Amino acid sequence: MNLGELLEDRARRHPNKVALFHDGGTVTFGELNRRVNRLGNGLKSLGVVAEDCVALMLPNIPEFVYAFFACQKLGAVAVPVNTLYKGGELRHILNDCRA
């Protein structure tokens, strides 16, 4: 079972259980799965397929989790990028991972 399938399973079995806590709010497994699927469909419509590298340059927010799991469901490789990277560092990471 991969991470995308694990999320699907949790959303099916525990749709109202809290999956994420953030800034005083919560996201249930059902909501998380719906948001991940929405983003995954968006990435797919942009041409992202299995084994593609997708750079994720996001702070510690729920959208990072959505993007990470969307990549997992598509079979793509999520490449977290430090939000403090600038110029040459960022260029090197993006060129190296072929995002």
N, C-alpha and C. Protein backbone atom coordinates (compact mmCIF):
# COMPACT_ATOMS: atom_id res chain seq x y z
N MET A 1 0.85 -1.18 0.00
CA MET A 1 0.00 0.00 0.00
C MET A 1 0.90 1.24 0.00
N ASN A 2 0.66 2.16 -0.95
CA ASN A 2 1.45 3.39 -0.98
C ASN A 2 0.75 4.48 -0.15
N LEU A 3 1.37 5.65 -0.03
CA LEU A 3 0.81 6.71 0.81
C LEU A 3 -0.53 7.23 0.30
N GLY A 4 -0.69 7.30 -1.02
CA GLY A 4 -1.97 7.72 -1.58
C GLY A 4 -3.09 6.75 -1.23
N GLU A 5 -2.79 5.46 -1.32
CA GLU A 5 -3.78 4.44 -0.96
C GLU A 5 -4.07 4.46 0.54
N LEU A 6 -3.06 4.73 1.33
CA LEU A 6 -3.25 4.83 2.78
C LEU A 6 -4.20 5.97 3.13
N LEU A 7 -4.02 7.11 2.46
CA LEU A 7 -4.93 8.25 2.69
C LEU A 7 -6.35 7.88 2.28
N GLU A 8 -6.51 7.26 1.12
CA GLU A 8 -7.84 6.83 0.65
C GLU A 8 -8.50 5.92 1.69
N ASP A 9 -7.73 4.98 2.23
CA ASP A 9 -8.24 4.05 3.22
C ASP A 9 -8.70 4.78 4.48
N ARG A 10 -7.88 5.70 4.96
CA ARG A 10 -8.23 6.45 6.18
C ARG A 10 -9.45 7.33 5.95
N ALA A 11 -9.53 7.93 4.78
CA ALA A 11 -10.67 8.78 4.46
C ALA A 11 -11.96 7.97 4.38
N ARG A 12 -11.86 6.75 3.87
CA ARG A 12 -13.02 5.87 3.77
C ARG A 12 -13.45 5.37 5.16
N ARG A 13 -12.46 4.99 5.98
CA ARG A 13 -12.75 4.41 7.29
C ARG A 13 -13.04 5.44 8.37
N HIS A 14 -12.41 6.61 8.27
CA HIS A 14 -12.53 7.64 9.32
C HIS A 14 -12.70 9.03 8.70
N PRO A 15 -13.75 9.25 7.91
CA PRO A 15 -13.88 10.52 7.18
C PRO A 15 -13.98 11.75 8.08
N ASN A 16 -14.48 11.60 9.28
CA ASN A 16 -14.69 12.75 10.17
C ASN A 16 -13.62 12.90 11.24
N LYS A 17 -12.64 12.02 11.23
CA LYS A 17 -11.54 12.10 12.19
C LYS A 17 -10.55 13.17 11.73
N VAL A 18 -10.00 13.90 12.69
CA VAL A 18 -9.07 14.99 12.35
C VAL A 18 -7.75 14.43 11.85
N ALA A 19 -7.32 14.91 10.69
CA ALA A 19 -6.05 14.51 10.09
C ALA A 19 -4.98 15.57 10.30
N LEU A 20 -5.38 16.85 10.26
CA LEU A 20 -4.44 17.97 10.40
C LEU A 20 -4.96 19.01 11.37
N PHE A 21 -4.06 19.54 12.16
CA PHE A 21 -4.33 20.70 13.00
C PHE A 21 -3.49 21.84 12.45
N HIS A 22 -4.09 23.02 12.28
CA HIS A 22 -3.31 24.18 11.78
C HIS A 22 -3.96 25.48 12.22
N ASP A 23 -3.17 26.38 12.72
CA ASP A 23 -3.62 27.73 13.10
C ASP A 23 -4.99 27.72 13.79
N GLY A 24 -5.20 26.81 14.68
CA GLY A 24 -6.47 26.74 15.40
C GLY A 24 -7.57 26.03 14.64
N GLY A 25 -7.31 25.63 13.40
CA GLY A 25 -8.31 24.92 12.60
C GLY A 25 -7.95 23.46 12.45
N THR A 26 -8.84 22.73 11.84
CA THR A 26 -8.60 21.31 11.60
C THR A 26 -9.05 20.93 10.19
N VAL A 27 -8.52 19.82 9.72
CA VAL A 27 -8.92 19.22 8.44
C VAL A 27 -9.14 17.74 8.71
N THR A 28 -10.32 17.24 8.36
CA THR A 28 -10.61 15.83 8.57
C THR A 28 -9.99 15.00 7.44
N PHE A 29 -9.95 13.69 7.64
CA PHE A 29 -9.42 12.82 6.60
C PHE A 29 -10.26 12.91 5.33
N GLY A 30 -11.58 13.03 5.47
CA GLY A 30 -12.43 13.18 4.29
C GLY A 30 -12.11 14.46 3.53
N GLU A 31 -11.98 15.58 4.26
CA GLU A 31 -11.64 16.85 3.62
C GLU A 31 -10.25 16.79 2.99
N LEU A 32 -9.32 16.21 3.72
CA LEU A 32 -7.95 16.09 3.22
C LEU A 32 -7.94 15.33 1.90
N ASN A 33 -8.62 14.22 1.85
CA ASN A 33 -8.65 13.40 0.64
C ASN A 33 -9.28 14.16 -0.53
N ARG A 34 -10.37 14.90 -0.27
CA ARG A 34 -11.02 15.68 -1.33
C ARG A 34 -10.08 16.77 -1.86
N ARG A 35 -9.39 17.46 -0.96
CA ARG A 35 -8.48 18.53 -1.37
C ARG A 35 -7.28 17.97 -2.13
N VAL A 36 -6.78 16.84 -1.67
CA VAL A 36 -5.67 16.17 -2.36
C VAL A 36 -6.11 15.76 -3.76
N ASN A 37 -7.28 15.19 -3.88
CA ASN A 37 -7.78 14.77 -5.20
C ASN A 37 -7.96 15.96 -6.13
N ARG A 38 -8.48 17.07 -5.60
CA ARG A 38 -8.66 18.27 -6.41
C ARG A 38 -7.32 18.77 -6.95
N LEU A 39 -6.33 18.84 -6.07
CA LEU A 39 -5.01 19.30 -6.50
C LEU A 39 -4.36 18.29 -7.45
N GLY A 40 -4.53 17.01 -7.15
CA GLY A 40 -3.99 15.98 -8.03
C GLY A 40 -4.57 16.07 -9.43
N ASN A 41 -5.86 16.31 -9.52
CA ASN A 41 -6.49 16.47 -10.84
C ASN A 41 -5.95 17.69 -11.56
N GLY A 42 -5.68 18.75 -10.80
CA GLY A 42 -5.09 19.94 -11.40
C GLY A 42 -3.70 19.67 -11.93
N LEU A 43 -2.88 18.98 -11.14
CA LEU A 43 -1.53 18.63 -11.60
C LEU A 43 -1.59 17.74 -12.84
N LYS A 44 -2.52 16.79 -12.81
CA LYS A 44 -2.68 15.88 -13.96
C LYS A 44 -3.07 16.66 -15.21
N SER A 45 -3.95 17.65 -15.06
CA SER A 45 -4.37 18.45 -16.22
C SER A 45 -3.22 19.29 -16.77
N LEU A 46 -2.20 19.54 -15.92
CA LEU A 46 -1.02 20.27 -16.37
C LEU A 46 0.03 19.35 -16.99
N GLY A 47 -0.28 18.04 -16.99
CA GLY A 47 0.62 17.09 -17.64
C GLY A 47 1.53 16.32 -16.70
N VAL A 48 1.34 16.44 -15.40
CA VAL A 48 2.17 15.69 -14.44
C VAL A 48 1.77 14.21 -14.50
N VAL A 49 2.76 13.36 -14.66
CA VAL A 49 2.53 11.91 -14.72
C VAL A 49 3.49 11.21 -13.76
N ALA A 50 3.31 9.90 -13.64
CA ALA A 50 4.16 9.10 -12.75
C ALA A 50 5.63 9.33 -13.06
N GLU A 51 6.42 9.42 -12.02
CA GLU A 51 7.87 9.61 -12.04
C GLU A 51 8.32 11.02 -12.38
N ASP A 52 7.38 11.94 -12.68
CA ASP A 52 7.76 13.34 -12.82
C ASP A 52 8.16 13.88 -11.45
N CYS A 53 9.07 14.83 -11.43
CA CYS A 53 9.46 15.51 -10.19
C CYS A 53 8.69 16.82 -10.10
N VAL A 54 8.09 17.04 -8.95
CA VAL A 54 7.31 18.26 -8.71
C VAL A 54 7.92 18.99 -7.53
N ALA A 55 8.46 20.18 -7.76
CA ALA A 55 9.06 20.98 -6.69
C ALA A 55 7.95 21.61 -5.85
N LEU A 56 8.07 21.48 -4.54
CA LEU A 56 7.10 22.06 -3.61
C LEU A 56 7.82 23.08 -2.74
N MET A 57 7.61 24.34 -3.03
CA MET A 57 8.24 25.41 -2.26
C MET A 57 7.16 26.12 -1.47
N LEU A 58 6.79 25.50 -0.37
CA LEU A 58 5.71 26.01 0.48
C LEU A 58 6.15 26.00 1.93
N PRO A 59 5.65 26.95 2.72
CA PRO A 59 5.94 26.91 4.16
C PRO A 59 5.13 25.78 4.81
N ASN A 60 5.18 25.71 6.11
CA ASN A 60 4.45 24.66 6.84
C ASN A 60 2.97 25.02 6.93
N ILE A 61 2.26 24.76 5.84
CA ILE A 61 0.83 25.03 5.74
C ILE A 61 0.13 23.78 5.21
N PRO A 62 -1.18 23.69 5.39
CA PRO A 62 -1.90 22.51 4.90
C PRO A 62 -1.71 22.24 3.41
N GLU A 63 -1.53 23.28 2.62
CA GLU A 63 -1.37 23.10 1.19
C GLU A 63 -0.13 22.28 0.85
N PHE A 64 0.89 22.32 1.70
CA PHE A 64 2.06 21.47 1.48
C PHE A 64 1.64 20.00 1.56
N VAL A 65 0.85 19.67 2.54
CA VAL A 65 0.37 18.28 2.72
C VAL A 65 -0.49 17.87 1.52
N TYR A 66 -1.36 18.77 1.06
CA TYR A 66 -2.20 18.45 -0.10
C TYR A 66 -1.33 18.15 -1.31
N ALA A 67 -0.35 19.01 -1.54
CA ALA A 67 0.54 18.84 -2.71
C ALA A 67 1.36 17.56 -2.60
N PHE A 68 1.88 17.29 -1.41
CA PHE A 68 2.70 16.09 -1.21
C PHE A 68 1.89 14.83 -1.52
N PHE A 69 0.68 14.73 -0.94
CA PHE A 69 -0.15 13.55 -1.18
C PHE A 69 -0.67 13.49 -2.61
N ALA A 70 -0.92 14.64 -3.23
CA ALA A 70 -1.35 14.64 -4.64
C ALA A 70 -0.26 14.02 -5.50
N CYS A 71 0.99 14.37 -5.23
CA CYS A 71 2.11 13.76 -5.96
C CYS A 71 2.14 12.25 -5.74
N GLN A 72 1.93 11.83 -4.49
CA GLN A 72 1.95 10.40 -4.19
C GLN A 72 0.88 9.66 -4.97
N LYS A 73 -0.31 10.23 -5.04
CA LYS A 73 -1.40 9.57 -5.76
C LYS A 73 -1.12 9.47 -7.25
N LEU A 74 -0.39 10.45 -7.80
CA LEU A 74 -0.07 10.43 -9.22
C LEU A 74 1.16 9.57 -9.52
N GLY A 75 1.88 9.18 -8.49
CA GLY A 75 3.12 8.44 -8.69
C GLY A 75 4.28 9.37 -9.02
N ALA A 76 4.07 10.66 -8.81
CA ALA A 76 5.12 11.65 -9.06
C ALA A 76 6.01 11.75 -7.82
N VAL A 77 7.15 12.39 -7.99
CA VAL A 77 8.11 12.56 -6.90
C VAL A 77 7.99 13.98 -6.38
N ALA A 78 7.58 14.11 -5.11
CA ALA A 78 7.51 15.42 -4.48
C ALA A 78 8.91 15.82 -4.03
N VAL A 79 9.34 17.02 -4.43
CA VAL A 79 10.67 17.51 -4.07
C VAL A 79 10.48 18.75 -3.20
N PRO A 80 10.51 18.60 -1.87
CA PRO A 80 10.38 19.77 -1.00
C PRO A 80 11.58 20.70 -1.17
N VAL A 81 11.30 21.99 -1.30
CA VAL A 81 12.35 22.99 -1.49
C VAL A 81 12.25 24.00 -0.35
N ASN A 82 13.35 24.26 0.29
CA ASN A 82 13.41 25.21 1.39
C ASN A 82 12.94 26.58 0.92
N THR A 83 12.00 27.18 1.66
CA THR A 83 11.45 28.48 1.26
C THR A 83 12.46 29.61 1.41
N LEU A 84 13.57 29.36 2.06
CA LEU A 84 14.60 30.39 2.20
C LEU A 84 15.60 30.40 1.05
N TYR A 85 15.55 29.39 0.18
CA TYR A 85 16.48 29.35 -0.95
C TYR A 85 16.20 30.49 -1.91
N LYS A 86 17.27 31.07 -2.42
CA LYS A 86 17.19 32.17 -3.39
C LYS A 86 18.21 31.92 -4.50
N GLY A 87 18.06 32.59 -5.60
CA GLY A 87 19.03 32.62 -6.67
C GLY A 87 19.66 31.29 -7.03
N GLY A 88 20.99 31.24 -6.85
CA GLY A 88 21.78 30.07 -7.26
C GLY A 88 21.38 28.79 -6.55
N GLU A 89 21.07 28.88 -5.26
CA GLU A 89 20.65 27.67 -4.53
C GLU A 89 19.38 27.10 -5.14
N LEU A 90 18.43 27.96 -5.37
CA LEU A 90 17.14 27.53 -5.93
C LEU A 90 17.33 26.99 -7.34
N ARG A 91 18.10 27.68 -8.15
CA ARG A 91 18.37 27.24 -9.51
C ARG A 91 19.02 25.85 -9.51
N HIS A 92 20.00 25.64 -8.61
CA HIS A 92 20.68 24.35 -8.54
C HIS A 92 19.70 23.23 -8.19
N ILE A 93 18.88 23.43 -7.17
CA ILE A 93 17.92 22.40 -6.76
C ILE A 93 16.96 22.06 -7.90
N LEU A 94 16.41 23.09 -8.54
CA LEU A 94 15.44 22.86 -9.60
C LEU A 94 16.07 22.16 -10.81
N ASN A 95 17.28 22.56 -11.16
CA ASN A 95 17.97 21.90 -12.28
C ASN A 95 18.35 20.47 -11.92
N ASP A 96 18.80 20.26 -10.70
CA ASP A 96 19.25 18.93 -10.27
C ASP A 96 18.11 17.92 -10.21
N CYS A 97 16.95 18.36 -9.71
CA CYS A 97 15.83 17.42 -9.58
C CYS A 97 15.01 17.31 -10.86
N ARG A 98 15.25 18.20 -11.82
CA ARG A 98 14.52 18.20 -13.09
C ARG A 98 13.01 18.36 -12.88
N ALA A 99 12.66 19.24 -11.98
CA ALA A 99 11.22 19.49 -11.72
C ALA A 99 10.59 20.21 -12.90
